[in-house]
Protein backbone atom coordinates (compact mmCIF):
# COMPACT_ATOMS: atom_id res chain seq x y z
CA MET A 1 31.80 -49.04 -87.01
CA TYR A 2 31.23 -48.74 -83.26
CA ARG A 3 32.49 -52.22 -82.31
CA LYS A 4 36.14 -51.29 -81.87
CA PRO A 5 35.55 -48.25 -79.57
CA VAL A 6 33.03 -50.27 -77.55
CA LEU A 7 35.51 -53.14 -77.21
CA VAL A 8 38.24 -50.73 -76.10
CA PHE A 9 35.85 -49.19 -73.58
CA VAL A 10 34.86 -52.60 -72.13
CA VAL A 11 38.49 -53.74 -71.88
CA GLY A 12 39.37 -50.44 -70.20
CA CYS A 13 36.59 -50.85 -67.63
CA ILE A 14 37.68 -54.42 -66.84
CA SER A 15 41.26 -53.22 -66.47
CA LEU A 16 40.20 -50.48 -64.09
CA MET A 17 38.17 -52.94 -62.01
CA VAL A 18 41.10 -55.36 -61.74
CA THR A 19 43.43 -52.50 -60.80
CA ALA A 20 40.98 -51.29 -58.15
CA VAL A 21 40.72 -54.79 -56.63
CA MET A 22 44.51 -55.17 -56.54
CA PHE A 23 44.90 -51.70 -55.03
CA ASP A 24 42.32 -52.51 -52.36
CA ARG A 25 44.21 -55.71 -51.49
CA GLU A 26 47.45 -53.80 -51.19
CA LEU A 27 45.79 -51.26 -48.92
CA ARG A 28 44.49 -54.05 -46.73
CA LYS A 29 47.94 -55.64 -46.55
CA HIS A 30 49.46 -52.28 -45.68
CA ASP A 31 46.83 -51.68 -43.00
CA MET A 32 47.28 -55.14 -41.47
CA ALA A 33 51.04 -54.71 -41.45
CA TYR A 34 50.57 -51.84 -39.05
CA ARG A 35 48.03 -53.72 -36.93
CA ARG A 36 49.99 -56.96 -36.45
CA PHE A 37 52.75 -55.81 -34.20
CA PRO A 38 54.19 -58.57 -32.00
CA MET A 39 52.72 -58.87 -28.51
CA ALA A 40 54.48 -59.83 -25.31
CA GLY A 41 53.67 -63.25 -23.87
CA ASN A 42 51.47 -65.75 -25.68
CA SER A 43 47.88 -66.52 -26.57
CA ASN A 44 47.43 -68.76 -23.51
CA SER A 45 48.07 -65.84 -21.16
CA THR A 46 45.56 -63.76 -23.13
CA ILE A 47 42.92 -66.49 -22.76
CA LYS A 48 43.69 -66.79 -19.04
CA ALA A 49 43.37 -63.02 -18.57
CA ALA A 50 40.01 -63.02 -20.38
CA LYS A 51 38.68 -65.76 -18.09
CA ASN A 52 39.76 -63.78 -15.05
CA THR A 53 37.52 -60.92 -16.13
CA GLY A 54 34.44 -63.11 -15.73
CA LEU A 55 33.49 -63.73 -19.37
CA ARG A 56 32.13 -67.27 -19.30
CA LEU A 57 30.51 -67.55 -22.69
CA LEU A 58 30.55 -65.63 -25.94
CA ASN A 59 27.81 -67.03 -28.17
CA SER A 60 28.25 -64.84 -31.21
CA SER A 61 30.79 -62.58 -32.81
CA SER A 62 30.54 -58.82 -33.07
CA SER A 63 28.66 -57.47 -36.05
CA SER A 64 31.37 -54.87 -36.59
CA ASN A 65 33.58 -55.31 -39.64
CA CYS A 66 36.50 -53.24 -38.30
CA SER A 67 39.61 -54.45 -36.49
CA PRO A 68 40.21 -53.51 -32.83
CA ARG A 69 42.90 -50.89 -32.33
CA LYS A 70 45.44 -52.21 -29.86
CA ASN A 71 48.05 -49.45 -30.00
CA PHE A 72 47.12 -46.46 -27.86
CA VAL A 73 48.51 -43.67 -25.69
CA TRP A 74 46.13 -42.50 -22.97
CA ILE A 75 47.03 -39.12 -21.49
CA LYS A 76 45.78 -39.02 -17.90
CA VAL A 77 44.97 -35.34 -17.51
CA HIS A 78 45.14 -34.63 -13.78
CA LYS A 79 41.82 -34.08 -11.96
CA SER A 80 39.76 -34.64 -15.10
CA GLY A 81 38.21 -38.04 -14.46
CA SER A 82 41.25 -40.12 -15.36
CA SER A 83 40.91 -42.29 -12.23
CA THR A 84 37.42 -43.24 -13.41
CA THR A 85 38.38 -44.00 -17.00
CA THR A 86 41.92 -45.41 -16.79
CA PRO A 87 40.73 -48.84 -15.53
CA LEU A 88 39.21 -49.39 -18.98
CA PHE A 89 42.67 -49.15 -20.54
CA GLN A 90 44.38 -51.16 -17.81
CA LYS A 91 41.90 -54.01 -18.17
CA TYR A 92 42.10 -53.96 -21.97
CA ALA A 93 45.90 -54.08 -21.89
CA TYR A 94 45.87 -56.98 -19.44
CA ILE A 95 43.26 -59.06 -21.27
CA HIS A 96 44.97 -58.62 -24.64
CA ASN A 97 48.48 -59.03 -23.26
CA LEU A 98 49.65 -55.70 -24.67
CA THR A 99 53.19 -54.45 -24.18
CA VAL A 100 52.71 -51.50 -21.83
CA MET A 101 55.30 -48.76 -21.36
CA MET A 102 55.91 -48.73 -17.62
CA PRO A 103 58.29 -46.81 -15.34
CA ALA A 104 61.24 -48.87 -14.18
CA HIS A 105 60.24 -48.26 -10.55
CA GLY A 106 56.81 -49.79 -11.21
CA GLY A 107 54.89 -46.79 -9.85
CA PRO A 108 51.84 -44.95 -11.22
CA ILE A 109 53.77 -42.10 -12.88
CA LEU A 110 55.90 -42.66 -15.96
CA SER A 111 57.37 -39.16 -15.81
CA TRP A 112 55.93 -35.70 -15.30
CA PRO A 113 56.34 -32.97 -16.52
CA ILE A 114 59.27 -34.14 -18.69
CA PRO A 115 59.73 -37.38 -20.65
CA PRO A 116 61.66 -40.05 -18.74
CA ARG A 117 65.35 -40.53 -19.38
CA GLU A 118 66.62 -43.78 -20.87
CA GLY A 119 66.77 -46.42 -18.17
CA LEU A 120 63.82 -45.03 -16.23
CA TYR A 121 61.26 -46.98 -18.25
CA VAL A 122 61.25 -50.67 -19.09
CA LYS A 123 62.43 -51.71 -22.54
CA PRO A 124 59.98 -54.04 -24.34
CA ARG A 125 61.15 -57.55 -25.22
CA THR A 126 59.14 -57.42 -28.43
CA GLY A 127 60.84 -54.25 -29.68
CA VAL A 128 57.65 -52.19 -29.73
CA TYR A 129 55.18 -50.75 -27.23
CA ASN A 130 51.44 -51.10 -27.66
CA ALA A 131 50.09 -48.99 -24.82
CA LEU A 132 50.74 -46.19 -22.35
CA TYR A 133 48.32 -45.12 -19.64
CA GLN A 134 50.60 -44.13 -16.74
CA HIS A 135 50.67 -40.47 -15.73
CA SER A 136 52.76 -38.60 -18.29
CA ARG A 137 52.62 -35.30 -20.13
CA TYR A 138 51.91 -35.35 -23.87
CA ASN A 139 55.08 -34.91 -25.90
CA LYS A 140 54.44 -35.59 -29.57
CA THR A 141 58.04 -35.97 -30.73
CA TRP A 142 59.07 -38.24 -27.87
CA MET A 143 55.99 -40.47 -28.06
CA GLU A 144 55.87 -40.83 -31.83
CA ALA A 145 59.48 -42.07 -31.75
CA ARG A 146 58.48 -44.91 -29.39
CA PHE A 147 55.02 -45.99 -30.52
CA PRO A 148 53.79 -47.45 -33.83
CA PRO A 149 52.52 -45.12 -36.58
CA ASP A 150 48.92 -46.26 -36.12
CA THR A 151 48.84 -45.46 -32.40
CA ALA A 152 45.59 -43.85 -31.22
CA TYR A 153 46.18 -40.83 -28.97
CA LEU A 154 43.43 -40.35 -26.41
CA ALA A 155 42.74 -38.06 -23.45
CA ILE A 156 40.00 -36.70 -21.20
CA ILE A 157 39.32 -33.12 -20.07
CA ARG A 158 36.54 -31.37 -18.15
CA GLU A 159 34.84 -27.98 -17.86
CA PRO A 160 37.63 -25.60 -16.73
CA PHE A 161 35.97 -24.03 -13.68
CA SER A 162 35.02 -27.40 -12.19
CA HIS A 163 38.59 -28.52 -12.88
CA PHE A 164 39.89 -25.41 -11.12
CA LYS A 165 37.80 -26.15 -8.02
CA SER A 166 39.06 -29.72 -7.91
CA CYS A 167 42.69 -28.63 -8.27
CA PHE A 168 42.29 -25.83 -5.73
CA ASN A 169 41.14 -28.39 -3.18
CA TYR A 170 43.39 -31.33 -4.09
CA TYR A 171 46.67 -29.41 -4.24
CA HIS A 172 45.92 -27.40 -1.07
CA VAL A 173 46.20 -24.12 -2.97
CA SER A 174 44.43 -22.23 -0.18
CA ARG A 175 47.03 -23.39 2.34
CA VAL A 176 50.16 -22.83 0.28
CA MET A 177 48.94 -19.50 -1.13
CA LYS A 178 47.31 -18.35 2.12
CA THR A 179 43.93 -17.65 0.49
CA LYS A 180 42.10 -18.56 3.67
CA LYS A 181 38.63 -17.65 4.86
CA THR A 182 38.10 -14.00 5.75
CA SER A 183 35.50 -12.09 7.72
CA HIS A 184 33.84 -11.21 4.41
CA SER A 185 33.83 -14.71 2.94
CA THR A 186 33.96 -18.30 4.19
CA ASN A 187 35.04 -19.46 0.74
CA PRO A 188 38.81 -19.25 0.00
CA LEU A 189 37.99 -19.64 -3.68
CA GLN A 190 36.34 -16.23 -3.70
CA THR A 191 39.44 -14.65 -2.19
CA PHE A 192 41.53 -16.11 -4.99
CA LEU A 193 39.09 -15.06 -7.71
CA LYS A 194 39.07 -11.43 -6.68
CA ASN A 195 42.49 -11.13 -8.30
CA PRO A 196 44.34 -14.38 -9.14
CA TRP A 197 47.45 -12.84 -10.72
CA PRO A 198 49.28 -11.58 -7.58
CA TYR A 199 49.17 -15.01 -5.92
CA LYS A 200 51.93 -16.32 -8.18
CA THR A 201 50.86 -19.96 -8.26
CA GLU A 202 53.53 -20.96 -10.79
CA ALA A 203 55.65 -23.88 -9.57
CA LEU A 204 58.77 -25.59 -10.88
CA SER A 205 59.51 -29.27 -11.43
CA TYR A 206 62.56 -30.61 -13.28
CA GLY A 207 63.15 -27.16 -14.73
CA VAL A 208 59.62 -26.89 -16.18
CA ARG A 209 57.13 -24.28 -14.99
CA PHE A 210 53.52 -25.30 -14.37
CA ASP A 211 50.50 -23.93 -12.58
CA LYS A 212 47.77 -26.10 -11.11
CA THR A 213 45.25 -23.25 -11.19
CA ARG A 214 45.98 -21.89 -14.67
CA ASN A 215 45.72 -23.79 -17.97
CA ALA A 216 46.61 -26.99 -16.13
CA GLN A 217 44.72 -29.28 -18.52
CA ALA A 218 46.37 -27.74 -21.57
CA PHE A 219 49.72 -28.15 -19.81
CA ASP A 220 49.17 -31.92 -19.43
CA LEU A 221 48.49 -31.99 -23.17
CA GLY A 222 51.88 -30.42 -23.81
CA TYR A 223 51.05 -26.71 -23.78
CA PRO A 224 53.87 -24.54 -22.30
CA LEU A 225 52.84 -22.32 -19.39
CA GLU A 226 54.98 -19.50 -20.80
CA LYS A 227 52.55 -19.26 -23.74
CA SER A 228 49.47 -18.72 -21.54
CA GLY A 229 48.99 -15.16 -22.79
CA ASP A 230 49.51 -15.88 -26.50
CA LEU A 231 46.06 -16.89 -27.69
CA ASP A 232 47.00 -16.98 -31.38
CA TRP A 233 49.72 -19.49 -30.56
CA ALA A 234 47.18 -21.38 -28.44
CA ARG A 235 44.74 -21.67 -31.35
CA ARG A 236 47.43 -23.12 -33.59
CA TYR A 237 48.49 -25.56 -30.89
CA ILE A 238 44.92 -26.73 -30.29
CA ASP A 239 44.49 -27.12 -34.07
CA GLN A 240 47.45 -29.51 -34.00
CA LEU A 241 46.12 -31.40 -30.98
CA GLU A 242 42.85 -31.97 -32.80
CA GLN A 243 44.80 -33.55 -35.65
CA ASP A 244 47.00 -35.63 -33.33
CA PHE A 245 44.28 -37.10 -31.11
CA LEU A 246 41.75 -39.67 -32.21
CA LEU A 247 39.50 -38.61 -29.34
CA VAL A 248 39.54 -36.20 -26.43
CA MET A 249 36.76 -37.31 -24.08
CA ILE A 250 34.68 -34.86 -22.05
CA LEU A 251 34.00 -35.78 -18.41
CA GLU A 252 30.64 -33.98 -18.39
CA HIS A 253 29.56 -36.29 -21.24
CA LEU A 254 31.27 -39.43 -20.00
CA GLU A 255 28.85 -42.08 -21.27
CA GLU A 256 28.67 -40.54 -24.74
CA SER A 257 32.47 -40.27 -24.76
CA ILE A 258 32.92 -43.93 -23.80
CA VAL A 259 30.49 -45.19 -26.44
CA LEU A 260 32.30 -43.07 -29.03
CA LEU A 261 35.62 -44.45 -27.76
CA ARG A 262 34.30 -47.98 -28.20
CA ARG A 263 33.28 -47.27 -31.77
CA LEU A 264 36.41 -45.42 -32.82
CA MET A 265 38.67 -48.07 -31.28
CA CYS A 266 36.44 -50.88 -32.59
CA TRP A 267 36.33 -52.47 -29.13
CA GLU A 268 33.57 -54.61 -27.62
CA LEU A 269 30.93 -53.53 -25.14
CA GLN A 270 32.57 -55.72 -22.49
CA ASP A 271 35.80 -53.71 -22.91
CA VAL A 272 34.24 -50.45 -21.73
CA ILE A 273 31.97 -51.47 -18.85
CA LEU A 274 32.43 -49.31 -15.75
CA ARG A 275 31.49 -50.64 -12.33
CA SER A 276 31.15 -47.08 -11.02
CA GLY A 277 30.17 -43.92 -12.84
CA THR A 278 32.73 -41.91 -10.89
CA SER A 279 35.69 -42.75 -8.67
CA ASN A 280 38.09 -40.78 -6.53
CA SER A 281 35.29 -38.30 -5.83
CA ARG A 282 36.01 -35.96 -2.93
CA ASN A 283 33.75 -33.64 -1.03
CA TYR A 284 34.93 -30.18 0.00
CA SER A 285 33.26 -26.99 1.13
CA PHE A 286 33.26 -25.18 -2.22
CA LYS A 287 32.68 -28.19 -4.51
CA HIS A 288 29.22 -27.00 -5.55
CA TYR A 289 30.00 -23.29 -5.48
CA GLN A 290 28.60 -21.44 -8.47
CA PRO A 291 30.72 -18.39 -9.35
CA SER A 292 29.26 -15.00 -10.07
CA ARG A 293 29.38 -13.62 -13.59
CA THR A 294 32.35 -11.46 -12.61
CA GLU A 295 34.23 -14.39 -11.08
CA THR A 296 33.56 -16.54 -14.12
CA GLU A 297 34.89 -13.87 -16.45
CA THR A 298 37.94 -13.32 -14.24
CA TYR A 299 38.82 -16.99 -14.33
CA ARG A 300 38.07 -17.24 -18.05
CA GLN A 301 40.69 -14.56 -18.69
CA TYR A 302 43.13 -16.09 -16.21
CA SER A 303 42.91 -19.60 -17.71
CA ALA A 304 41.99 -18.69 -21.28
CA VAL A 305 43.78 -21.58 -23.00
CA ASP A 306 41.91 -24.21 -20.98
CA PHE A 307 38.59 -22.55 -21.84
CA MET A 308 39.55 -22.38 -25.50
CA MET A 309 40.63 -26.01 -25.53
CA PHE A 310 37.52 -27.25 -23.73
CA HIS A 311 35.26 -25.36 -26.15
CA ARG A 312 37.07 -26.83 -29.16
CA PHE A 313 37.06 -30.44 -27.97
CA ASN A 314 33.49 -30.26 -26.75
CA GLN A 315 32.53 -29.19 -30.27
CA SER A 316 34.75 -31.91 -31.71
CA LEU A 317 33.10 -34.57 -29.54
CA TRP A 318 29.61 -33.70 -30.72
CA ARG A 319 30.72 -33.39 -34.33
CA LYS A 320 32.11 -36.95 -34.16
CA ILE A 321 28.94 -38.15 -32.46
CA ARG A 322 26.77 -36.67 -35.23
CA ALA A 323 28.85 -38.58 -37.76
CA GLN A 324 28.06 -41.89 -36.01
CA GLY A 325 24.51 -42.19 -37.29
CA ASP A 326 21.01 -42.40 -35.85
CA ASP A 327 21.61 -45.37 -33.53
CA PHE A 328 24.32 -43.69 -31.43
CA PHE A 329 22.08 -42.53 -28.61
CA GLY A 330 20.33 -45.88 -28.62
CA GLU A 331 23.69 -47.43 -27.84
CA VAL A 332 24.33 -44.84 -25.11
CA ARG A 333 21.04 -45.83 -23.44
CA HIS A 334 21.94 -49.50 -23.82
CA TYR A 335 25.42 -48.91 -22.39
CA ARG A 336 23.93 -47.05 -19.42
CA ALA A 337 21.51 -49.92 -18.78
CA VAL A 338 24.22 -52.59 -19.01
CA CYS A 339 26.46 -50.73 -16.54
CA ALA A 340 23.49 -50.45 -14.15
CA GLN A 341 22.88 -54.20 -14.48
CA VAL A 342 26.52 -54.94 -13.76
CA ARG A 343 26.55 -52.70 -10.67
CA GLU A 344 23.42 -54.38 -9.32
CA PHE A 345 24.86 -57.84 -10.08
CA CYS A 346 28.08 -57.00 -8.25
CA ARG A 347 26.23 -55.36 -5.36
CA ARG A 348 24.36 -58.61 -4.61
CA ARG A 349 27.69 -60.49 -4.28
CA GLU A 350 26.12 -63.84 -5.25
CA LYS A 351 29.31 -65.61 -6.25
CA SER A 352 27.59 -68.53 -7.96
CA ALA A 353 25.24 -66.34 -10.01
CA LEU A 354 25.59 -65.53 -13.70
CA LEU A 355 24.74 -62.33 -15.53
CA THR A 356 23.60 -62.63 -19.16
CA ILE A 357 23.61 -59.65 -21.49
CA PRO A 358 21.43 -60.43 -24.53
CA SER A 359 22.69 -59.94 -28.05
CA THR A 360 21.87 -56.56 -29.61
CA ARG A 361 22.90 -54.65 -32.69
CA TRP A 362 25.82 -53.27 -30.60
CA ASN A 363 27.08 -56.41 -28.88
CA PRO A 364 27.05 -60.22 -28.99
CA ARG A 365 25.49 -62.22 -26.17
CA TYR A 366 27.64 -62.26 -23.02
CA THR A 367 27.40 -64.40 -19.90
CA PHE A 368 29.49 -63.17 -16.97
CA ASP A 369 30.25 -64.74 -13.60
CA PHE A 370 31.34 -63.02 -10.39
CA ASN A 371 34.93 -62.74 -11.65
CA LEU A 372 33.64 -59.77 -13.64
CA CYS A 373 33.08 -57.91 -10.35
CA LYS A 374 36.56 -58.81 -9.15
CA SER A 375 38.03 -57.58 -12.42
CA LEU A 376 36.12 -54.29 -12.32
CA GLY A 377 37.12 -53.82 -8.68
CA THR A 378 40.83 -54.42 -9.27
CA SER A 379 42.88 -51.48 -8.02
CA ALA A 380 45.34 -49.56 -10.17
CA THR A 381 48.21 -50.88 -8.02
CA ALA A 382 47.06 -54.48 -8.47
CA TYR A 383 46.78 -54.01 -12.25
CA ARG A 384 50.29 -52.57 -12.41
CA ASN A 385 51.64 -55.63 -10.64
CA LYS A 386 49.59 -58.07 -12.73
CA ILE A 387 50.72 -56.51 -16.01
CA TRP A 388 54.32 -56.21 -14.80
CA ASN A 389 54.39 -59.94 -14.03
CA GLN A 390 52.48 -60.86 -17.19
CA LEU A 391 55.10 -59.13 -19.32
CA GLY A 392 58.00 -60.56 -17.35
CA TYR A 393 59.58 -57.16 -16.72
CA GLY A 394 61.86 -58.47 -13.95
CA ASP A 395 63.16 -56.53 -10.95
CA LYS A 396 61.97 -53.00 -10.32
CA ILE A 397 64.47 -50.18 -9.83
CA ASN A 398 64.43 -48.61 -6.38
CA ILE A 399 64.65 -44.96 -7.36
CA GLU A 400 62.89 -41.99 -5.79
CA MET A 401 61.47 -39.47 -8.25
CA ILE A 402 59.68 -36.34 -7.02
CA TYR A 403 56.48 -36.38 -9.09
CA ASN A 404 53.88 -35.97 -6.35
CA VAL A 405 52.82 -32.35 -6.69
CA ARG A 406 50.23 -32.65 -3.93
CA GLN A 407 52.90 -33.53 -1.37
CA ASN A 408 55.54 -31.15 -2.72
CA HIS A 409 53.49 -28.22 -4.03
CA GLY A 410 54.81 -25.76 -1.46
CA SER A 411 58.47 -26.58 -2.14
CA MET A 412 57.87 -26.43 -5.91
CA LEU A 413 56.34 -22.96 -5.54
CA LYS A 414 59.42 -21.83 -3.59
CA GLN A 415 61.69 -23.24 -6.29
CA ALA A 416 59.82 -21.24 -8.93
CA ARG A 417 60.13 -18.01 -6.93
CA GLN A 418 63.86 -18.61 -6.37
CA ASN A 419 64.30 -19.37 -10.05
CA SER A 420 62.53 -16.11 -10.96
CA LYS A 421 64.83 -14.13 -8.64
CA GLU A 422 67.93 -15.72 -10.16
CA ARG A 423 66.74 -15.01 -13.68
CA SER A 424 65.99 -11.38 -12.85
CA ILE A 425 69.48 -10.96 -11.37
CA ASN A 426 71.14 -12.55 -14.41
CA ASP A 427 69.07 -10.43 -16.77
């Protein structure tokens, strides 16, 4: 009396299993359809690029069962360690022959603070871009219309007060705002922090207001300066950023961030090796200045969105790290040791020597020659030219665009003041 229900049950289970297998296959097909976008060039150029990076021998395959993500947008947040980290993305794009979105003039800045107009960036021959790492401001609508749906959005930020000090020095804020040393203080930073608001550091570029001393990191991630005082709006915007970005790295936790990047992007250890822990590091009189409690609170109120954003993405970083499992910090230690080995190998400059990295649970066995050092030492300008030629982008357009804030900060401040006067008259 129970045979018929049992038979129905068994048939139902088999049917469900078959359906699940077919559904899984369809998901895999769908996923691969997004991953297999056409690349510029050919496989021979990819192999040649890999040899030029010094990889002589790869004795085993990675133990990872995921597929490398080759579509990415890297937002180079100014003065946040982007000069240190961007070479990782340049090298990866070159080795894998990715179609990079590049400015038509071939320079380091795609467009800032507005998206480039048609004709000011090179059109891809393949019909789709894989990568962007030139200086540009995050613009979700504009970028999503030009990059594949599975594009990984990535960025790096740093602790806001250290970022403020770096900007204050790099953009000559003391000179253009006349916050010079006084008889009471030899530190122009202290003069500024007594009361930042009257200094009016807002500047204007292409009709967009920005401020290199206030919420400048959030601005590079698309946040409008005009919303600096609306913290409810800021929370909603940061919520959206957290959904949009696969990873926002933290400069103060660079090695952990890079190992997490490697895992989330399913890249190899060799893809994320850094020859130097920091680059473009400048010394200045107040670099190591520790603010008083009052100064810290003053700047926290002045640049509240940057503090809010840093707190959120610092939490997000460690939440993602906790989800990686118990071996994460073992890989961080291994990564740190490998980078130290590479630096020592390159320091010796023995051009006939080989460097072997043994196989571990995180990487296959690598053997590198001295070309690795040349690859890691390649300048950003050289990489731009190499990738430009690799992709066959043709002649560059000789056009002058005013993007260099450091050189033009004073004139941009004057433009903002004039614009404010005109608006007040019209109002």
